[in-house]
């Protein structure tokens, strides 16, 4: 892995594409998104970068890479999970056993994950229109509207009387 660069890690980097294809085949789920952290983090005085694969059923598999290209840790849904295999794609038997182990962990956690998601309460964002006004505030607003409407009604009736007077004057003019 001499060409590996932690700073230029992208979705098209060979290790990422190998992990993506192997993981999606092993788990039998499509990988919806790959999220690569922009900033380097230090873990044990060594720069690292986290790459997260979001699976179609909602779970996420994260891999923390060292600057050498080795996978330091595996994160399932943001929690550290130990694995015994080595994720070095140059040695296929070890890589395949590690991917199989990760797939087993993901499949084993799916029911627990689904139950936790079903228990979560969905918050629907409220706008100012959706918020219910208190009873006293509603009464105050209605009384203000009534007084405004009464004032408008008296103004309009005055205008009507004026217009009727002007109309009758126009009709009574000599032709």
C-alpha atoms as a PDB file:
ATOM      1  CA  UNK A   1       0.000   0.000   0.000  1.00  0.00           C
ATOM      2  CA  UNK A   2       2.771   2.395  -0.807  1.00  0.00           C
ATOM      3  CA  UNK A   3       0.487   4.621  -2.927  1.00  0.00           C
ATOM      4  CA  UNK A   4      -2.045   5.110  -0.140  1.00  0.00           C
ATOM      5  CA  UNK A   5      -2.532   8.720   0.957  1.00  0.00           C
ATOM      6  CA  UNK A   6      -4.775   9.552   3.879  1.00  0.00           C
ATOM      7  CA  UNK A   7      -5.180  13.160   2.749  1.00  0.00           C
ATOM      8  CA  UNK A   8      -6.383  12.229  -0.750  1.00  0.00           C
ATOM      9  CA  UNK A   9      -8.781   9.472   0.312  1.00  0.00           C
ATOM     10  CA  UNK A  10     -11.859   9.411  -1.949  1.00  0.00           C
ATOM     11  CA  UNK A  11     -14.628   7.011  -2.965  1.00  0.00           C
ATOM     12  CA  UNK A  12     -12.555   5.903  -5.938  1.00  0.00           C
ATOM     13  CA  UNK A  13      -9.469   4.971  -3.903  1.00  0.00           C
ATOM     14  CA  UNK A  14      -8.756   1.249  -4.504  1.00  0.00           C
ATOM     15  CA  UNK A  15      -9.075   0.222  -0.827  1.00  0.00           C
ATOM     16  CA  UNK A  16     -12.430   2.016  -0.545  1.00  0.00           C
ATOM     17  CA  UNK A  17     -13.824   0.415  -3.718  1.00  0.00           C
ATOM     18  CA  UNK A  18     -12.617  -3.032  -2.574  1.00  0.00           C
ATOM     19  CA  UNK A  19     -14.210  -2.568   0.843  1.00  0.00           C
ATOM     20  CA  UNK A  20     -17.428  -1.324  -0.736  1.00  0.00           C
ATOM     21  CA  UNK A  21     -17.840  -4.262  -3.132  1.00  0.00           C
ATOM     22  CA  UNK A  22     -16.807  -6.883  -0.575  1.00  0.00           C
ATOM     23  CA  UNK A  23     -19.046  -5.428   2.152  1.00  0.00           C
ATOM     24  CA  UNK A  24     -22.114  -5.070  -0.064  1.00  0.00           C
ATOM     25  CA  UNK A  25     -21.742  -8.673  -1.292  1.00  0.00           C
ATOM     26  CA  UNK A  26     -21.164 -10.077   2.186  1.00  0.00           C
ATOM     27  CA  UNK A  27     -24.056  -8.221   3.817  1.00  0.00           C
ATOM     28  CA  UNK A  28     -26.371  -8.546   0.776  1.00  0.00           C
ATOM     29  CA  UNK A  29     -27.284  -4.873   1.024  1.00  0.00           C
ATOM     30  CA  UNK A  30     -26.487  -1.988  -1.247  1.00  0.00           C
ATOM     31  CA  UNK A  31     -24.251   0.755   0.060  1.00  0.00           C
ATOM     32  CA  UNK A  32     -26.243   3.952  -0.221  1.00  0.00           C
ATOM     33  CA  UNK A  33     -23.550   6.488   0.639  1.00  0.00           C
ATOM     34  CA  UNK A  34     -19.894   6.690   1.533  1.00  0.00           C
ATOM     35  CA  UNK A  35     -18.939   9.459   3.930  1.00  0.00           C
ATOM     36  CA  UNK A  36     -15.264  10.319   4.261  1.00  0.00           C
ATOM     37  CA  UNK A  37     -14.279  12.687   7.069  1.00  0.00           C
ATOM     38  CA  UNK A  38     -12.627  15.826   5.748  1.00  0.00           C
ATOM     39  CA  UNK A  39     -10.323  16.388   8.711  1.00  0.00           C
ATOM     40  CA  UNK A  40      -7.642  14.116  10.043  1.00  0.00           C
ATOM     41  CA  UNK A  41      -7.980  12.999  13.657  1.00  0.00           C
ATOM     42  CA  UNK A  42      -5.231  11.792  15.930  1.00  0.00           C
ATOM     43  CA  UNK A  43      -5.664   8.431  17.604  1.00  0.00           C
ATOM     44  CA  UNK A  44      -2.669   7.377  19.676  1.00  0.00           C
ATOM     45  CA  UNK A  45      -0.441  10.118  18.210  1.00  0.00           C
ATOM     46  CA  UNK A  46      -1.129   8.857  14.707  1.00  0.00           C
ATOM     47  CA  UNK A  47      -3.229  10.659  12.086  1.00  0.00           C
ATOM     48  CA  UNK A  48      -6.384   8.795  11.113  1.00  0.00           C
ATOM     49  CA  UNK A  49      -9.424   9.292   8.925  1.00  0.00           C
ATOM     50  CA  UNK A  50     -12.869   7.692   9.245  1.00  0.00           C
ATOM     51  CA  UNK A  51     -14.745   6.300   6.251  1.00  0.00           C
ATOM     52  CA  UNK A  52     -18.404   5.421   6.851  1.00  0.00           C
ATOM     53  CA  UNK A  53     -20.458   3.166   4.580  1.00  0.00           C
ATOM     54  CA  UNK A  54     -24.214   3.699   4.969  1.00  0.00           C
ATOM     55  CA  UNK A  55     -26.152   0.529   4.202  1.00  0.00           C
ATOM     56  CA  UNK A  56     -29.627   0.450   2.671  1.00  0.00           C
ATOM     57  CA  UNK A  57     -31.311  -0.837   5.845  1.00  0.00           C
ATOM     58  CA  UNK A  58     -30.080   2.148   7.843  1.00  0.00           C
ATOM     59  CA  UNK A  59     -26.995   0.824   9.606  1.00  0.00           C
ATOM     60  CA  UNK A  60     -23.558   2.321   9.093  1.00  0.00           C
ATOM     61  CA  UNK A  61     -20.190   0.574   8.991  1.00  0.00           C
ATOM     62  CA  UNK A  62     -17.232   2.824   9.734  1.00  0.00           C
ATOM     63  CA  UNK A  63     -13.566   2.110   9.243  1.00  0.00           C
ATOM     64  CA  UNK A  64     -10.804   4.185  10.820  1.00  0.00           C
ATOM     65  CA  UNK A  65      -7.737   4.226   8.570  1.00  0.00           C
ATOM     66  CA  UNK A  66      -4.151   4.861   9.628  1.00  0.00           C
ATOM     67  CA  UNK A  67      -1.778   6.835   7.452  1.00  0.00           C
ATOM     68  CA  UNK A  68      -0.249   3.543   6.264  1.00  0.00           C
ATOM     69  CA  UNK A  69      -3.630   2.379   4.901  1.00  0.00           C
ATOM     70  CA  UNK A  70      -4.331  -0.186   7.614  1.00  0.00           C
ATOM     71  CA  UNK A  71      -7.738  -0.280   9.259  1.00  0.00           C
ATOM     72  CA  UNK A  72      -7.319   0.640  12.906  1.00  0.00           C
ATOM     73  CA  UNK A  73     -10.909   0.114  14.090  1.00  0.00           C
ATOM     74  CA  UNK A  74     -14.344  -0.956  12.908  1.00  0.00           C
ATOM     75  CA  UNK A  75     -17.366   1.096  13.992  1.00  0.00           C
ATOM     76  CA  UNK A  76     -20.914  -0.233  13.732  1.00  0.00           C
ATOM     77  CA  UNK A  77     -23.457   2.587  13.938  1.00  0.00           C
ATOM     78  CA  UNK A  78     -20.790   4.783  15.533  1.00  0.00           C
ATOM     79  CA  UNK A  79     -19.845   2.264  18.244  1.00  0.00           C
ATOM     80  CA  UNK A  80     -16.478   0.544  18.350  1.00  0.00           C
ATOM     81  CA  UNK A  81     -16.732  -3.194  17.594  1.00  0.00           C
ATOM     82  CA  UNK A  82     -13.725  -5.509  17.837  1.00  0.00           C
ATOM     83  CA  UNK A  83     -12.801  -7.723  14.892  1.00  0.00           C
ATOM     84  CA  UNK A  84     -10.165 -10.426  14.743  1.00  0.00           C
ATOM     85  CA  UNK A  85      -9.395 -10.384  11.011  1.00  0.00           C
ATOM     86  CA  UNK A  86      -7.031  -8.141   9.095  1.00  0.00           C
ATOM     87  CA  UNK A  87      -8.519  -5.853   6.451  1.00  0.00           C
ATOM     88  CA  UNK A  88      -5.461  -5.857   4.181  1.00  0.00           C
ATOM     89  CA  UNK A  89      -6.739  -6.473   0.626  1.00  0.00           C
ATOM     90  CA  UNK A  90      -3.301  -7.725  -0.457  1.00  0.00           C
ATOM     91  CA  UNK A  91      -3.790 -10.920   1.555  1.00  0.00           C
ATOM     92  CA  UNK A  92      -7.195 -12.246   0.401  1.00  0.00           C
ATOM     93  CA  UNK A  93      -7.850 -15.039   2.969  1.00  0.00           C
ATOM     94  CA  UNK A  94      -7.477 -12.659   5.915  1.00  0.00           C
ATOM     95  CA  UNK A  95      -9.404  -9.893   4.139  1.00  0.00           C
ATOM     96  CA  UNK A  96     -12.290 -12.224   3.252  1.00  0.00           C
ATOM     97  CA  UNK A  97     -12.504 -13.640   6.786  1.00  0.00           C
ATOM     98  CA  UNK A  98     -12.561 -10.101   8.252  1.00  0.00           C
ATOM     99  CA  UNK A  99     -15.302  -9.021   5.831  1.00  0.00           C
ATOM    100  CA  UNK A 100     -17.304 -12.168   6.672  1.00  0.00           C
ATOM    101  CA  UNK A 101     -16.905 -11.407  10.375  1.00  0.00           C
ATOM    102  CA  UNK A 102     -18.065  -7.812   9.851  1.00  0.00           C
ATOM    103  CA  UNK A 103     -21.038  -9.001   7.770  1.00  0.00           C
ATOM    104  CA  UNK A 104     -22.047 -11.413  10.545  1.00  0.00           C
ATOM    105  CA  UNK A 105     -21.869  -8.591  13.096  1.00  0.00           C
ATOM    106  CA  UNK A 106     -24.001  -6.327  10.883  1.00  0.00           C
ATOM    107  CA  UNK A 107     -26.615  -9.013  10.163  1.00  0.00           C
ATOM    108  CA  UNK A 108     -26.733  -9.990  13.843  1.00  0.00           C
ATOM    109  CA  UNK A 109     -27.332  -6.388  14.863  1.00  0.00           C
ATOM    110  CA  UNK A 110     -30.053  -5.675  12.264  1.00  0.00           C
ATOM    111  CA  UNK A 111     -33.028  -6.797  14.429  1.00  0.00           C
ATOM    112  CA  UNK A 112     -31.777  -4.802  17.415  1.00  0.00           C
ATOM    113  CA  UNK A 113     -31.222  -1.774  15.173  1.00  0.00           C
ATOM    114  CA  UNK A 114     -34.715  -2.043  13.662  1.00  0.00           C
ATOM    115  CA  UNK A 115     -36.331  -2.271  17.101  1.00  0.00           C
ATOM    116  CA  UNK A 116     -34.408   0.771  18.318  1.00  0.00           C
ATOM    117  CA  UNK A 117     -35.456   2.761  15.231  1.00  0.00           C
ATOM    118  CA  UNK A 118     -39.098   1.716  15.702  1.00  0.00           C
ATOM    119  CA  UNK A 119     -39.033   2.989  19.305  1.00  0.00           C
ATOM    120  CA  UNK A 120     -37.665   6.388  18.335  1.00  0.00           C
ATOM    121  CA  UNK A 121     -40.210   9.150  18.456  1.00  0.00           C
ATOM    122  CA  UNK A 122     -40.503  11.142  15.287  1.00  0.00           C
ATOM    123  CA  UNK A 123     -40.424  14.875  15.859  1.00  0.00           C
ATOM    124  CA  UNK A 124     -42.433  16.813  13.338  1.00  0.00           C
ATOM    125  CA  UNK A 125     -41.111  20.342  13.117  1.00  0.00           C
ATOM    126  CA  UNK A 126     -43.724  22.955  13.917  1.00  0.00           C
ATOM    127  CA  UNK A 127     -44.101  26.309  12.246  1.00  0.00           C
ATOM    128  CA  UNK A 128     -45.635  29.370  13.857  1.00  0.00           C
ATOM    129  CA  UNK A 129     -48.937  28.612  12.137  1.00  0.00           C
ATOM    130  CA  UNK A 130     -49.040  25.099  13.590  1.00  0.00           C
ATOM    131  CA  UNK A 131     -48.557  26.180  17.187  1.00  0.00           C
ATOM    132  CA  UNK A 132     -51.834  26.316  19.045  1.00  0.00           C
ATOM    133  CA  UNK A 133     -52.619  29.674  20.582  1.00  0.00           C
ATOM    134  CA  UNK A 134     -53.797  29.811  24.157  1.00  0.00           C
ATOM    135  CA  UNK A 135     -57.468  30.427  24.838  1.00  0.00           C
ATOM    136  CA  UNK A 136     -56.987  33.911  26.270  1.00  0.00           C
ATOM    137  CA  UNK A 137     -54.807  34.926  23.330  1.00  0.00           C
ATOM    138  CA  UNK A 138     -57.437  33.602  20.917  1.00  0.00           C
ATOM    139  CA  UNK A 139     -60.229  35.520  22.690  1.00  0.00           C
ATOM    140  CA  UNK A 140     -58.150  38.723  22.664  1.00  0.00           C
ATOM    141  CA  UNK A 141     -57.437  38.350  18.944  1.00  0.00           C
ATOM    142  CA  UNK A 142     -61.119  37.730  18.117  1.00  0.00           C
ATOM    143  CA  UNK A 143     -62.283  40.795  20.100  1.00  0.00           C
ATOM    144  CA  UNK A 144     -59.692  42.944  18.310  1.00  0.00           C
ATOM    145  CA  UNK A 145     -60.919  41.588  14.984  1.00  0.00           C
ATOM    146  CA  UNK A 146     -64.540  42.370  15.937  1.00  0.00           C
ATOM    147  CA  UNK A 147     -63.740  45.985  16.826  1.00  0.00           C
ATOM    148  CA  UNK A 148     -61.703  46.416  13.610  1.00  0.00           C
ATOM    149  CA  UNK A 149     -64.513  44.937  11.540  1.00  0.00           C
ATOM    150  CA  UNK A 150     -67.096  47.185  13.231  1.00  0.00           C
ATOM    151  CA  UNK A 151     -64.975  50.239  12.410  1.00  0.00           C
ATOM    152  CA  UNK A 152     -64.588  49.117   8.791  1.00  0.00           C
ATOM    153  CA  UNK A 153     -68.352  48.492   8.572  1.00  0.00           C
ATOM    154  CA  UNK A 154     -69.185  52.013   9.782  1.00  0.00           C
ATOM    155  CA  UNK A 155     -66.679  53.532   7.321  1.00  0.00           C
ATOM    156  CA  UNK A 156     -68.113  51.517   4.433  1.00  0.00           C
ATOM    157  CA  UNK A 157     -71.716  52.436   5.370  1.00  0.00           C
ATOM    158  CA  UNK A 158     -70.707  56.140   5.408  1.00  0.00           C
ATOM    159  CA  UNK A 159     -69.132  55.690   1.983  1.00  0.00           C
ATOM    160  CA  UNK A 160     -72.305  53.955   0.764  1.00  0.00           C
ATOM    161  CA  UNK A 161     -74.499  56.812   1.992  1.00  0.00           C
ATOM    162  CA  UNK A 162     -72.226  59.338   0.271  1.00  0.00           C
ATOM    163  CA  UNK A 163     -72.250  57.388  -2.990  1.00  0.00           C
ATOM    164  CA  UNK A 164     -76.065  57.036  -2.864  1.00  0.00           C
ATOM    165  CA  UNK A 165     -76.415  60.795  -2.347  1.00  0.00           C
ATOM    166  CA  UNK A 166     -74.089  61.479  -5.283  1.00  0.00           C
ATOM    167  CA  UNK A 167     -76.027  59.024  -7.418  1.00  0.00           C
ATOM    168  CA  UNK A 168     -79.357  60.654  -6.633  1.00  0.00           C
ATOM    169  CA  UNK A 169     -77.882  64.101  -7.429  1.00  0.00           C
ATOM    170  CA  UNK A 170     -76.618  62.823 -10.788  1.00  0.00           C
ATOM    171  CA  UNK A 171     -80.077  61.382 -11.590  1.00  0.00           C
ATOM    172  CA  UNK A 172     -81.870  64.618 -10.622  1.00  0.00           C
ATOM    173  CA  UNK A 173     -79.735  66.849 -12.875  1.00  0.00           C
ATOM    174  CA  UNK A 174     -81.467  68.399 -15.807  1.00  0.00           C
ATOM    175  CA  UNK A 175     -80.693  66.825 -19.097  1.00  0.00           C
END
